[in-house]
Protein backbone atom coordinates (compact mmCIF):
# COMPACT_ATOMS: atom_id res chain seq x y z
CA UNK A 1 0.00 0.00 0.00
CA UNK A 2 0.98 3.66 -0.30
CA UNK A 3 1.31 4.01 3.47
CA UNK A 4 3.60 0.99 3.72
CA UNK A 5 5.74 2.22 0.82
CA UNK A 6 6.03 5.61 2.48
CA UNK A 7 7.18 3.97 5.73
CA UNK A 8 9.76 1.87 3.92
CA UNK A 9 11.04 4.94 2.07
CA UNK A 10 11.36 6.84 5.36
CA UNK A 11 13.28 3.95 6.93
CA UNK A 12 15.59 3.75 3.91
CA UNK A 13 16.24 7.48 4.05
CA UNK A 14 16.94 7.28 7.77
CA UNK A 15 19.37 4.40 7.23
CA UNK A 16 21.22 6.28 4.46
CA UNK A 17 21.46 9.36 6.66
CA UNK A 18 22.82 7.33 9.57
CA UNK A 19 25.42 5.54 7.46
CA UNK A 20 26.61 8.76 5.83
CA UNK A 21 26.72 10.52 9.16
CA UNK A 22 28.66 7.72 10.86
CA UNK A 23 31.22 7.50 8.07
CA UNK A 24 31.73 11.23 8.00
CA UNK A 25 31.89 12.12 11.65
CA UNK A 26 32.27 9.55 14.33
CA UNK A 27 35.82 8.41 13.73
CA UNK A 28 37.31 11.86 14.04
CA UNK A 29 35.00 14.40 15.70
CA UNK A 30 34.91 15.18 19.41
CA UNK A 31 31.16 15.89 19.19
CA UNK A 32 28.59 15.28 16.46
CA UNK A 33 24.90 16.05 15.98
CA UNK A 34 22.03 15.66 13.50
CA UNK A 35 19.65 18.64 13.60
CA UNK A 36 16.12 19.41 12.45
CA UNK A 37 16.36 23.07 11.45
CA UNK A 38 12.59 23.59 11.71
CA UNK A 39 12.39 23.15 15.48
CA UNK A 40 16.13 22.93 16.34
CA UNK A 41 15.71 19.48 17.86
CA UNK A 42 18.74 17.25 17.53
CA UNK A 43 20.09 13.74 17.84
CA UNK A 44 23.39 13.59 19.72
CA UNK A 45 25.77 11.07 18.18
CA UNK A 46 28.84 11.97 20.19
CA UNK A 47 29.42 14.38 23.06
CA UNK A 48 32.05 14.58 25.78
CA UNK A 49 31.10 14.35 29.44
CA UNK A 50 32.45 17.88 29.93
CA UNK A 51 30.18 19.32 27.22
CA UNK A 52 27.21 17.42 28.64
CA UNK A 53 27.94 18.75 32.11
CA UNK A 54 28.80 22.36 31.22
CA UNK A 55 26.43 22.92 28.28
CA UNK A 56 23.45 20.54 28.57
CA UNK A 57 20.93 20.51 25.72
CA UNK A 58 17.84 21.49 27.69
CA UNK A 59 15.65 23.22 25.12
CA UNK A 60 17.23 22.81 21.70
CA UNK A 61 20.64 22.54 20.07
CA UNK A 62 20.93 26.25 19.28
CA UNK A 63 20.30 27.48 22.84
CA UNK A 64 22.98 25.09 24.11
CA UNK A 65 25.37 26.13 21.35
CA UNK A 66 24.88 29.84 22.11
CA UNK A 67 25.64 29.16 25.76
CA UNK A 68 28.87 27.42 24.74
CA UNK A 69 29.83 30.23 22.35
CA UNK A 70 29.23 32.95 24.95
CA UNK A 71 31.27 31.18 27.62
CA UNK A 72 33.98 29.25 25.79
CA UNK A 73 34.66 30.82 22.38
CA UNK A 74 37.23 33.59 21.98
CA UNK A 75 35.52 37.04 21.97
CA UNK A 76 36.87 37.77 18.48
CA UNK A 77 35.09 34.69 17.11
CA UNK A 78 31.78 34.75 19.00
CA UNK A 79 29.63 36.99 16.81
CA UNK A 80 30.54 35.29 13.54
CA UNK A 81 30.17 31.74 14.85
CA UNK A 82 26.79 32.64 16.36
CA UNK A 83 25.61 34.09 13.05
CA UNK A 84 26.87 31.14 11.03
CA UNK A 85 25.08 28.61 13.25
CA UNK A 86 21.72 30.45 13.17
CA UNK A 87 19.19 27.99 11.66
CA UNK A 88 18.10 30.27 8.79
CA UNK A 89 21.73 31.07 7.90
CA UNK A 90 22.61 27.38 7.94
CA UNK A 91 19.75 26.60 5.54
CA UNK A 92 20.91 29.35 3.20
CA UNK A 93 24.55 28.21 3.21
CA UNK A 94 23.62 24.56 2.72
CA UNK A 95 21.40 25.42 -0.23
CA UNK A 96 24.47 26.88 -1.93
CA UNK A 97 26.88 24.09 -0.94
CA UNK A 98 26.48 20.56 0.49
CA UNK A 99 29.05 21.26 3.19
CA UNK A 100 31.23 23.97 4.69
CA UNK A 101 33.68 24.49 7.54
CA UNK A 102 34.51 27.27 9.97
CA UNK A 103 37.49 27.55 12.34
CA UNK A 104 37.42 29.28 15.73
CA UNK A 105 39.35 29.50 19.00
CA UNK A 106 38.19 28.00 22.30
CA UNK A 107 39.38 29.61 25.56
CA UNK A 108 37.57 27.38 28.06
CA UNK A 109 40.76 25.58 29.16
CA UNK A 110 44.09 26.89 30.45
CA UNK A 111 45.58 26.76 26.96
CA UNK A 112 43.74 28.15 23.95
CA UNK A 113 42.51 25.52 21.49
CA UNK A 114 41.53 25.70 17.83
CA UNK A 115 38.41 23.92 16.63
CA UNK A 116 36.86 23.46 13.22
CA UNK A 117 33.11 22.99 12.87
CA UNK A 118 32.14 20.91 9.83
CA UNK A 119 28.54 21.18 8.59
CA UNK A 120 26.96 18.91 5.97
CA UNK A 121 23.52 18.91 4.37
CA UNK A 122 21.04 16.33 5.61
CA UNK A 123 18.36 14.40 3.73
CA UNK A 124 16.56 17.64 2.84
CA UNK A 125 16.90 21.41 3.34
CA UNK A 126 15.45 21.18 6.87
CA UNK A 127 18.12 18.81 8.21
CA UNK A 128 21.85 19.00 8.71
CA UNK A 129 24.69 17.28 10.51
CA UNK A 130 27.59 19.01 12.19
CA UNK A 131 30.54 18.18 14.37
CA UNK A 132 33.60 19.71 16.00
CA UNK A 133 37.15 18.66 15.25
CA UNK A 134 40.08 19.64 17.47
CA UNK A 135 42.66 21.24 15.16
CA UNK A 136 44.99 22.58 17.85
CA UNK A 137 47.97 20.29 17.29
CA UNK A 138 47.73 20.59 13.51
CA UNK A 139 47.48 24.37 13.76
CA UNK A 140 50.48 24.56 16.11
CA UNK A 141 52.56 22.35 13.82
CA UNK A 142 51.68 24.51 10.84
CA UNK A 143 52.66 27.62 12.75
CA UNK A 144 55.99 26.06 13.80
CA UNK A 145 56.70 25.05 10.23
CA UNK A 146 55.70 28.47 8.95
CA UNK A 147 57.69 30.47 11.47
CA UNK A 148 60.71 28.17 11.18
CA UNK A 149 60.97 28.60 7.44
CA UNK A 150 63.27 31.61 7.82
CA UNK A 151 65.62 31.98 10.84
CA UNK A 152 64.56 35.55 11.58
CA UNK A 153 62.53 36.93 14.43
CA UNK A 154 59.01 38.21 13.86
CA UNK A 155 60.20 41.69 14.87
CA UNK A 156 62.88 41.71 12.15
CA UNK A 157 60.39 40.49 9.55
CA UNK A 158 57.86 43.14 10.52
CA UNK A 159 60.40 45.96 10.31
CA UNK A 160 61.49 44.74 6.89
CA UNK A 161 57.87 44.41 5.69
CA UNK A 162 58.45 40.71 5.05
CA UNK A 163 55.65 38.31 5.86
CA UNK A 164 55.40 34.53 5.93
CA UNK A 165 52.33 32.58 4.91
CA UNK A 166 51.16 29.14 3.85
CA UNK A 167 48.02 27.77 2.18
CA UNK A 168 46.04 24.64 3.00
CA UNK A 169 43.83 23.25 0.22
CA UNK A 170 41.53 20.30 0.92
CA UNK A 171 38.94 19.09 -1.55
CA UNK A 172 35.44 20.16 -0.51
CA UNK A 173 36.71 22.74 1.99
CA UNK A 174 37.38 26.43 1.76
CA UNK A 175 41.04 27.40 1.23
CA UNK A 176 42.88 28.23 4.44
CA UNK A 177 45.71 30.75 4.75
CA UNK A 178 48.07 30.86 7.75
CA UNK A 179 50.13 34.00 8.31
CA UNK A 180 52.64 35.35 10.80
CA UNK A 181 52.26 38.75 12.50
CA UNK A 182 54.16 40.59 9.77
CA UNK A 183 51.96 39.18 6.99
CA UNK A 184 48.88 39.80 9.10
CA UNK A 185 49.51 43.55 8.97
CA UNK A 186 50.54 43.48 5.32
CA UNK A 187 47.12 42.20 4.30
CA UNK A 188 45.38 44.81 6.46
CA UNK A 189 44.40 42.84 9.56
CA UNK A 190 45.08 43.89 13.14
CA UNK A 191 44.47 40.51 14.81
CA UNK A 192 44.43 36.82 13.95
CA UNK A 193 41.20 35.51 12.42
CA UNK A 194 40.27 31.99 11.25
CA UNK A 195 42.41 30.81 8.32
CA UNK A 196 39.40 30.63 5.95
CA UNK A 197 38.69 34.31 6.62
CA UNK A 198 42.37 35.18 6.30
CA UNK A 199 42.37 33.67 2.83
CA UNK A 200 39.40 35.82 1.79
CA UNK A 201 40.92 38.93 3.36
CA UNK A 202 43.94 38.35 1.12
CA UNK A 203 42.13 37.21 -2.02
CA UNK A 204 39.32 39.80 -1.96
CA UNK A 205 41.86 42.62 -2.05
CA UNK A 206 43.78 41.39 -5.09
CA UNK A 207 43.43 43.79 -8.00
CA UNK A 208 41.50 42.15 -10.86
CA UNK A 209 44.38 42.82 -13.21
CA UNK A 210 46.69 40.85 -10.95
CA UNK A 211 44.51 37.74 -10.86
CA UNK A 212 46.20 36.56 -14.04
CA UNK A 213 49.32 35.79 -12.02
CA UNK A 214 47.47 34.00 -9.21
CA UNK A 215 47.66 30.18 -9.65
CA UNK A 216 44.43 28.84 -11.09
CA UNK A 217 43.81 26.54 -8.12
CA UNK A 218 43.47 29.60 -5.91
CA UNK A 219 40.72 31.19 -7.99
CA UNK A 220 37.75 31.68 -5.69
CA UNK A 221 35.07 30.65 -8.17
CA UNK A 222 36.33 27.08 -7.92
CA UNK A 223 35.35 27.06 -4.28
C-alpha atoms as a PDB file:
ATOM      1  CA  UNK A   1       0.000   0.000   0.000  1.00  0.00           C
ATOM      2  CA  UNK A   2       0.981   3.657  -0.303  1.00  0.00           C
ATOM      3  CA  UNK A   3       1.306   4.005   3.472  1.00  0.00           C
ATOM      4  CA  UNK A   4       3.598   0.991   3.717  1.00  0.00           C
ATOM      5  CA  UNK A   5       5.737   2.219   0.816  1.00  0.00           C
ATOM      6  CA  UNK A   6       6.034   5.608   2.480  1.00  0.00           C
ATOM      7  CA  UNK A   7       7.176   3.966   5.732  1.00  0.00           C
ATOM      8  CA  UNK A   8       9.759   1.868   3.917  1.00  0.00           C
ATOM      9  CA  UNK A   9      11.036   4.936   2.073  1.00  0.00           C
ATOM     10  CA  UNK A  10      11.355   6.835   5.360  1.00  0.00           C
ATOM     11  CA  UNK A  11      13.285   3.951   6.927  1.00  0.00           C
ATOM     12  CA  UNK A  12      15.592   3.748   3.905  1.00  0.00           C
ATOM     13  CA  UNK A  13      16.235   7.484   4.049  1.00  0.00           C
ATOM     14  CA  UNK A  14      16.939   7.280   7.773  1.00  0.00           C
ATOM     15  CA  UNK A  15      19.372   4.402   7.226  1.00  0.00           C
ATOM     16  CA  UNK A  16      21.221   6.280   4.465  1.00  0.00           C
ATOM     17  CA  UNK A  17      21.462   9.360   6.665  1.00  0.00           C
ATOM     18  CA  UNK A  18      22.821   7.327   9.575  1.00  0.00           C
ATOM     19  CA  UNK A  19      25.417   5.542   7.461  1.00  0.00           C
ATOM     20  CA  UNK A  20      26.610   8.756   5.827  1.00  0.00           C
ATOM     21  CA  UNK A  21      26.719  10.517   9.158  1.00  0.00           C
ATOM     22  CA  UNK A  22      28.661   7.720  10.856  1.00  0.00           C
ATOM     23  CA  UNK A  23      31.219   7.497   8.066  1.00  0.00           C
ATOM     24  CA  UNK A  24      31.731  11.234   7.996  1.00  0.00           C
ATOM     25  CA  UNK A  25      31.891  12.116  11.652  1.00  0.00           C
ATOM     26  CA  UNK A  26      32.269   9.549  14.335  1.00  0.00           C
ATOM     27  CA  UNK A  27      35.821   8.407  13.726  1.00  0.00           C
ATOM     28  CA  UNK A  28      37.313  11.864  14.043  1.00  0.00           C
ATOM     29  CA  UNK A  29      34.997  14.397  15.700  1.00  0.00           C
ATOM     30  CA  UNK A  30      34.911  15.184  19.412  1.00  0.00           C
ATOM     31  CA  UNK A  31      31.165  15.887  19.185  1.00  0.00           C
ATOM     32  CA  UNK A  32      28.594  15.278  16.461  1.00  0.00           C
ATOM     33  CA  UNK A  33      24.898  16.047  15.979  1.00  0.00           C
ATOM     34  CA  UNK A  34      22.025  15.660  13.504  1.00  0.00           C
ATOM     35  CA  UNK A  35      19.648  18.644  13.600  1.00  0.00           C
ATOM     36  CA  UNK A  36      16.122  19.409  12.452  1.00  0.00           C
ATOM     37  CA  UNK A  37      16.361  23.073  11.454  1.00  0.00           C
ATOM     38  CA  UNK A  38      12.588  23.592  11.706  1.00  0.00           C
ATOM     39  CA  UNK A  39      12.393  23.151  15.475  1.00  0.00           C
ATOM     40  CA  UNK A  40      16.133  22.932  16.337  1.00  0.00           C
ATOM     41  CA  UNK A  41      15.706  19.485  17.864  1.00  0.00           C
ATOM     42  CA  UNK A  42      18.740  17.248  17.527  1.00  0.00           C
ATOM     43  CA  UNK A  43      20.091  13.744  17.844  1.00  0.00           C
ATOM     44  CA  UNK A  44      23.386  13.589  19.719  1.00  0.00           C
ATOM     45  CA  UNK A  45      25.775  11.070  18.178  1.00  0.00           C
ATOM     46  CA  UNK A  46      28.836  11.968  20.187  1.00  0.00           C
ATOM     47  CA  UNK A  47      29.423  14.382  23.061  1.00  0.00           C
ATOM     48  CA  UNK A  48      32.051  14.576  25.777  1.00  0.00           C
ATOM     49  CA  UNK A  49      31.101  14.351  29.439  1.00  0.00           C
ATOM     50  CA  UNK A  50      32.449  17.878  29.933  1.00  0.00           C
ATOM     51  CA  UNK A  51      30.182  19.317  27.224  1.00  0.00           C
ATOM     52  CA  UNK A  52      27.210  17.415  28.637  1.00  0.00           C
ATOM     53  CA  UNK A  53      27.945  18.746  32.106  1.00  0.00           C
ATOM     54  CA  UNK A  54      28.800  22.358  31.223  1.00  0.00           C
ATOM     55  CA  UNK A  55      26.426  22.925  28.276  1.00  0.00           C
ATOM     56  CA  UNK A  56      23.449  20.544  28.572  1.00  0.00           C
ATOM     57  CA  UNK A  57      20.933  20.511  25.721  1.00  0.00           C
ATOM     58  CA  UNK A  58      17.843  21.487  27.694  1.00  0.00           C
ATOM     59  CA  UNK A  59      15.653  23.223  25.124  1.00  0.00           C
ATOM     60  CA  UNK A  60      17.234  22.807  21.702  1.00  0.00           C
ATOM     61  CA  UNK A  61      20.637  22.541  20.074  1.00  0.00           C
ATOM     62  CA  UNK A  62      20.934  26.254  19.282  1.00  0.00           C
ATOM     63  CA  UNK A  63      20.297  27.477  22.836  1.00  0.00           C
ATOM     64  CA  UNK A  64      22.975  25.086  24.108  1.00  0.00           C
ATOM     65  CA  UNK A  65      25.366  26.130  21.353  1.00  0.00           C
ATOM     66  CA  UNK A  66      24.881  29.843  22.106  1.00  0.00           C
ATOM     67  CA  UNK A  67      25.639  29.157  25.760  1.00  0.00           C
ATOM     68  CA  UNK A  68      28.871  27.416  24.743  1.00  0.00           C
ATOM     69  CA  UNK A  69      29.831  30.231  22.353  1.00  0.00           C
ATOM     70  CA  UNK A  70      29.229  32.949  24.946  1.00  0.00           C
ATOM     71  CA  UNK A  71      31.265  31.177  27.622  1.00  0.00           C
ATOM     72  CA  UNK A  72      33.981  29.251  25.789  1.00  0.00           C
ATOM     73  CA  UNK A  73      34.658  30.817  22.384  1.00  0.00           C
ATOM     74  CA  UNK A  74      37.229  33.592  21.976  1.00  0.00           C
ATOM     75  CA  UNK A  75      35.521  37.039  21.974  1.00  0.00           C
ATOM     76  CA  UNK A  76      36.869  37.771  18.480  1.00  0.00           C
ATOM     77  CA  UNK A  77      35.085  34.691  17.106  1.00  0.00           C
ATOM     78  CA  UNK A  78      31.781  34.750  18.996  1.00  0.00           C
ATOM     79  CA  UNK A  79      29.626  36.989  16.805  1.00  0.00           C
ATOM     80  CA  UNK A  80      30.544  35.295  13.541  1.00  0.00           C
ATOM     81  CA  UNK A  81      30.169  31.740  14.847  1.00  0.00           C
ATOM     82  CA  UNK A  82      26.787  32.644  16.365  1.00  0.00           C
ATOM     83  CA  UNK A  83      25.606  34.094  13.051  1.00  0.00           C
ATOM     84  CA  UNK A  84      26.873  31.143  11.031  1.00  0.00           C
ATOM     85  CA  UNK A  85      25.078  28.615  13.249  1.00  0.00           C
ATOM     86  CA  UNK A  86      21.721  30.447  13.166  1.00  0.00           C
ATOM     87  CA  UNK A  87      19.189  27.988  11.656  1.00  0.00           C
ATOM     88  CA  UNK A  88      18.102  30.275   8.792  1.00  0.00           C
ATOM     89  CA  UNK A  89      21.726  31.067   7.899  1.00  0.00           C
ATOM     90  CA  UNK A  90      22.609  27.378   7.940  1.00  0.00           C
ATOM     91  CA  UNK A  91      19.746  26.599   5.544  1.00  0.00           C
ATOM     92  CA  UNK A  92      20.911  29.347   3.195  1.00  0.00           C
ATOM     93  CA  UNK A  93      24.550  28.207   3.210  1.00  0.00           C
ATOM     94  CA  UNK A  94      23.622  24.559   2.717  1.00  0.00           C
ATOM     95  CA  UNK A  95      21.396  25.418  -0.229  1.00  0.00           C
ATOM     96  CA  UNK A  96      24.467  26.877  -1.925  1.00  0.00           C
ATOM     97  CA  UNK A  97      26.883  24.094  -0.937  1.00  0.00           C
ATOM     98  CA  UNK A  98      26.477  20.565   0.489  1.00  0.00           C
ATOM     99  CA  UNK A  99      29.049  21.259   3.195  1.00  0.00           C
ATOM    100  CA  UNK A 100      31.226  23.966   4.688  1.00  0.00           C
ATOM    101  CA  UNK A 101      33.682  24.493   7.540  1.00  0.00           C
ATOM    102  CA  UNK A 102      34.514  27.274   9.974  1.00  0.00           C
ATOM    103  CA  UNK A 103      37.492  27.551  12.338  1.00  0.00           C
ATOM    104  CA  UNK A 104      37.417  29.279  15.725  1.00  0.00           C
ATOM    105  CA  UNK A 105      39.355  29.502  19.004  1.00  0.00           C
ATOM    106  CA  UNK A 106      38.190  27.995  22.301  1.00  0.00           C
ATOM    107  CA  UNK A 107      39.381  29.606  25.561  1.00  0.00           C
ATOM    108  CA  UNK A 108      37.572  27.377  28.057  1.00  0.00           C
ATOM    109  CA  UNK A 109      40.757  25.580  29.160  1.00  0.00           C
ATOM    110  CA  UNK A 110      44.090  26.888  30.447  1.00  0.00           C
ATOM    111  CA  UNK A 111      45.582  26.764  26.959  1.00  0.00           C
ATOM    112  CA  UNK A 112      43.739  28.150  23.946  1.00  0.00           C
ATOM    113  CA  UNK A 113      42.512  25.522  21.491  1.00  0.00           C
ATOM    114  CA  UNK A 114      41.534  25.695  17.831  1.00  0.00           C
ATOM    115  CA  UNK A 115      38.405  23.917  16.628  1.00  0.00           C
ATOM    116  CA  UNK A 116      36.858  23.460  13.218  1.00  0.00           C
ATOM    117  CA  UNK A 117      33.112  22.986  12.866  1.00  0.00           C
ATOM    118  CA  UNK A 118      32.136  20.914   9.829  1.00  0.00           C
ATOM    119  CA  UNK A 119      28.541  21.181   8.594  1.00  0.00           C
ATOM    120  CA  UNK A 120      26.960  18.914   5.970  1.00  0.00           C
ATOM    121  CA  UNK A 121      23.515  18.915   4.369  1.00  0.00           C
ATOM    122  CA  UNK A 122      21.039  16.331   5.609  1.00  0.00           C
ATOM    123  CA  UNK A 123      18.361  14.403   3.728  1.00  0.00           C
ATOM    124  CA  UNK A 124      16.561  17.641   2.842  1.00  0.00           C
ATOM    125  CA  UNK A 125      16.899  21.415   3.343  1.00  0.00           C
ATOM    126  CA  UNK A 126      15.451  21.183   6.866  1.00  0.00           C
ATOM    127  CA  UNK A 127      18.124  18.811   8.207  1.00  0.00           C
ATOM    128  CA  UNK A 128      21.851  19.002   8.715  1.00  0.00           C
ATOM    129  CA  UNK A 129      24.687  17.276  10.515  1.00  0.00           C
ATOM    130  CA  UNK A 130      27.591  19.011  12.186  1.00  0.00           C
ATOM    131  CA  UNK A 131      30.543  18.184  14.374  1.00  0.00           C
ATOM    132  CA  UNK A 132      33.598  19.715  16.004  1.00  0.00           C
ATOM    133  CA  UNK A 133      37.154  18.663  15.255  1.00  0.00           C
ATOM    134  CA  UNK A 134      40.082  19.640  17.473  1.00  0.00           C
ATOM    135  CA  UNK A 135      42.660  21.238  15.159  1.00  0.00           C
ATOM    136  CA  UNK A 136      44.986  22.577  17.852  1.00  0.00           C
ATOM    137  CA  UNK A 137      47.975  20.293  17.289  1.00  0.00           C
ATOM    138  CA  UNK A 138      47.734  20.588  13.514  1.00  0.00           C
ATOM    139  CA  UNK A 139      47.478  24.373  13.759  1.00  0.00           C
ATOM    140  CA  UNK A 140      50.476  24.561  16.107  1.00  0.00           C
ATOM    141  CA  UNK A 141      52.559  22.349  13.819  1.00  0.00           C
ATOM    142  CA  UNK A 142      51.679  24.513  10.841  1.00  0.00           C
ATOM    143  CA  UNK A 143      52.663  27.624  12.750  1.00  0.00           C
ATOM    144  CA  UNK A 144      55.987  26.061  13.802  1.00  0.00           C
ATOM    145  CA  UNK A 145      56.696  25.053  10.229  1.00  0.00           C
ATOM    146  CA  UNK A 146      55.698  28.472   8.946  1.00  0.00           C
ATOM    147  CA  UNK A 147      57.689  30.473  11.466  1.00  0.00           C
ATOM    148  CA  UNK A 148      60.713  28.167  11.184  1.00  0.00           C
ATOM    149  CA  UNK A 149      60.969  28.604   7.437  1.00  0.00           C
ATOM    150  CA  UNK A 150      63.267  31.610   7.818  1.00  0.00           C
ATOM    151  CA  UNK A 151      65.618  31.978  10.835  1.00  0.00           C
ATOM    152  CA  UNK A 152      64.558  35.552  11.578  1.00  0.00           C
ATOM    153  CA  UNK A 153      62.529  36.933  14.430  1.00  0.00           C
ATOM    154  CA  UNK A 154      59.009  38.209  13.858  1.00  0.00           C
ATOM    155  CA  UNK A 155      60.197  41.687  14.866  1.00  0.00           C
ATOM    156  CA  UNK A 156      62.877  41.705  12.152  1.00  0.00           C
ATOM    157  CA  UNK A 157      60.385  40.492   9.549  1.00  0.00           C
ATOM    158  CA  UNK A 158      57.864  43.137  10.520  1.00  0.00           C
ATOM    159  CA  UNK A 159      60.399  45.964  10.309  1.00  0.00           C
ATOM    160  CA  UNK A 160      61.486  44.739   6.890  1.00  0.00           C
ATOM    161  CA  UNK A 161      57.868  44.414   5.695  1.00  0.00           C
ATOM    162  CA  UNK A 162      58.450  40.711   5.052  1.00  0.00           C
ATOM    163  CA  UNK A 163      55.648  38.315   5.863  1.00  0.00           C
ATOM    164  CA  UNK A 164      55.404  34.530   5.931  1.00  0.00           C
ATOM    165  CA  UNK A 165      52.334  32.581   4.908  1.00  0.00           C
ATOM    166  CA  UNK A 166      51.157  29.140   3.849  1.00  0.00           C
ATOM    167  CA  UNK A 167      48.020  27.772   2.184  1.00  0.00           C
ATOM    168  CA  UNK A 168      46.042  24.639   2.996  1.00  0.00           C
ATOM    169  CA  UNK A 169      43.834  23.247   0.224  1.00  0.00           C
ATOM    170  CA  UNK A 170      41.527  20.299   0.924  1.00  0.00           C
ATOM    171  CA  UNK A 171      38.937  19.089  -1.550  1.00  0.00           C
ATOM    172  CA  UNK A 172      35.437  20.161  -0.510  1.00  0.00           C
ATOM    173  CA  UNK A 173      36.710  22.738   1.995  1.00  0.00           C
ATOM    174  CA  UNK A 174      37.381  26.434   1.757  1.00  0.00           C
ATOM    175  CA  UNK A 175      41.036  27.400   1.226  1.00  0.00           C
ATOM    176  CA  UNK A 176      42.883  28.233   4.442  1.00  0.00           C
ATOM    177  CA  UNK A 177      45.712  30.754   4.753  1.00  0.00           C
ATOM    178  CA  UNK A 178      48.066  30.857   7.751  1.00  0.00           C
ATOM    179  CA  UNK A 179      50.126  34.004   8.306  1.00  0.00           C
ATOM    180  CA  UNK A 180      52.642  35.355  10.796  1.00  0.00           C
ATOM    181  CA  UNK A 181      52.264  38.746  12.503  1.00  0.00           C
ATOM    182  CA  UNK A 182      54.159  40.590   9.766  1.00  0.00           C
ATOM    183  CA  UNK A 183      51.958  39.177   6.988  1.00  0.00           C
ATOM    184  CA  UNK A 184      48.879  39.805   9.102  1.00  0.00           C
ATOM    185  CA  UNK A 185      49.509  43.547   8.967  1.00  0.00           C
ATOM    186  CA  UNK A 186      50.542  43.481   5.318  1.00  0.00           C
ATOM    187  CA  UNK A 187      47.116  42.201   4.302  1.00  0.00           C
ATOM    188  CA  UNK A 188      45.382  44.815   6.458  1.00  0.00           C
ATOM    189  CA  UNK A 189      44.396  42.839   9.564  1.00  0.00           C
ATOM    190  CA  UNK A 190      45.083  43.892  13.144  1.00  0.00           C
ATOM    191  CA  UNK A 191      44.468  40.513  14.811  1.00  0.00           C
ATOM    192  CA  UNK A 192      44.431  36.824  13.951  1.00  0.00           C
ATOM    193  CA  UNK A 193      41.200  35.513  12.423  1.00  0.00           C
ATOM    194  CA  UNK A 194      40.267  31.987  11.251  1.00  0.00           C
ATOM    195  CA  UNK A 195      42.408  30.808   8.315  1.00  0.00           C
ATOM    196  CA  UNK A 196      39.403  30.634   5.951  1.00  0.00           C
ATOM    197  CA  UNK A 197      38.691  34.313   6.621  1.00  0.00           C
ATOM    198  CA  UNK A 198      42.371  35.180   6.303  1.00  0.00           C
ATOM    199  CA  UNK A 199      42.367  33.673   2.827  1.00  0.00           C
ATOM    200  CA  UNK A 200      39.403  35.816   1.790  1.00  0.00           C
ATOM    201  CA  UNK A 201      40.918  38.933   3.358  1.00  0.00           C
ATOM    202  CA  UNK A 202      43.942  38.355   1.117  1.00  0.00           C
ATOM    203  CA  UNK A 203      42.129  37.213  -2.020  1.00  0.00           C
ATOM    204  CA  UNK A 204      39.317  39.798  -1.965  1.00  0.00           C
ATOM    205  CA  UNK A 205      41.856  42.618  -2.055  1.00  0.00           C
ATOM    206  CA  UNK A 206      43.778  41.391  -5.090  1.00  0.00           C
ATOM    207  CA  UNK A 207      43.431  43.786  -8.005  1.00  0.00           C
ATOM    208  CA  UNK A 208      41.504  42.145 -10.859  1.00  0.00           C
ATOM    209  CA  UNK A 209      44.384  42.819 -13.209  1.00  0.00           C
ATOM    210  CA  UNK A 210      46.688  40.847 -10.951  1.00  0.00           C
ATOM    211  CA  UNK A 211      44.509  37.735 -10.857  1.00  0.00           C
ATOM    212  CA  UNK A 212      46.199  36.556 -14.044  1.00  0.00           C
ATOM    213  CA  UNK A 213      49.321  35.787 -12.017  1.00  0.00           C
ATOM    214  CA  UNK A 214      47.473  34.000  -9.206  1.00  0.00           C
ATOM    215  CA  UNK A 215      47.662  30.180  -9.654  1.00  0.00           C
ATOM    216  CA  UNK A 216      44.426  28.836 -11.088  1.00  0.00           C
ATOM    217  CA  UNK A 217      43.812  26.541  -8.120  1.00  0.00           C
ATOM    218  CA  UNK A 218      43.470  29.603  -5.915  1.00  0.00           C
ATOM    219  CA  UNK A 219      40.717  31.194  -7.991  1.00  0.00           C
ATOM    220  CA  UNK A 220      37.754  31.682  -5.686  1.00  0.00           C
ATOM    221  CA  UNK A 221      35.073  30.654  -8.169  1.00  0.00           C
ATOM    222  CA  UNK A 222      36.328  27.076  -7.918  1.00  0.00           C
ATOM    223  CA  UNK A 223      35.346  27.063  -4.277  1.00  0.00           C
END
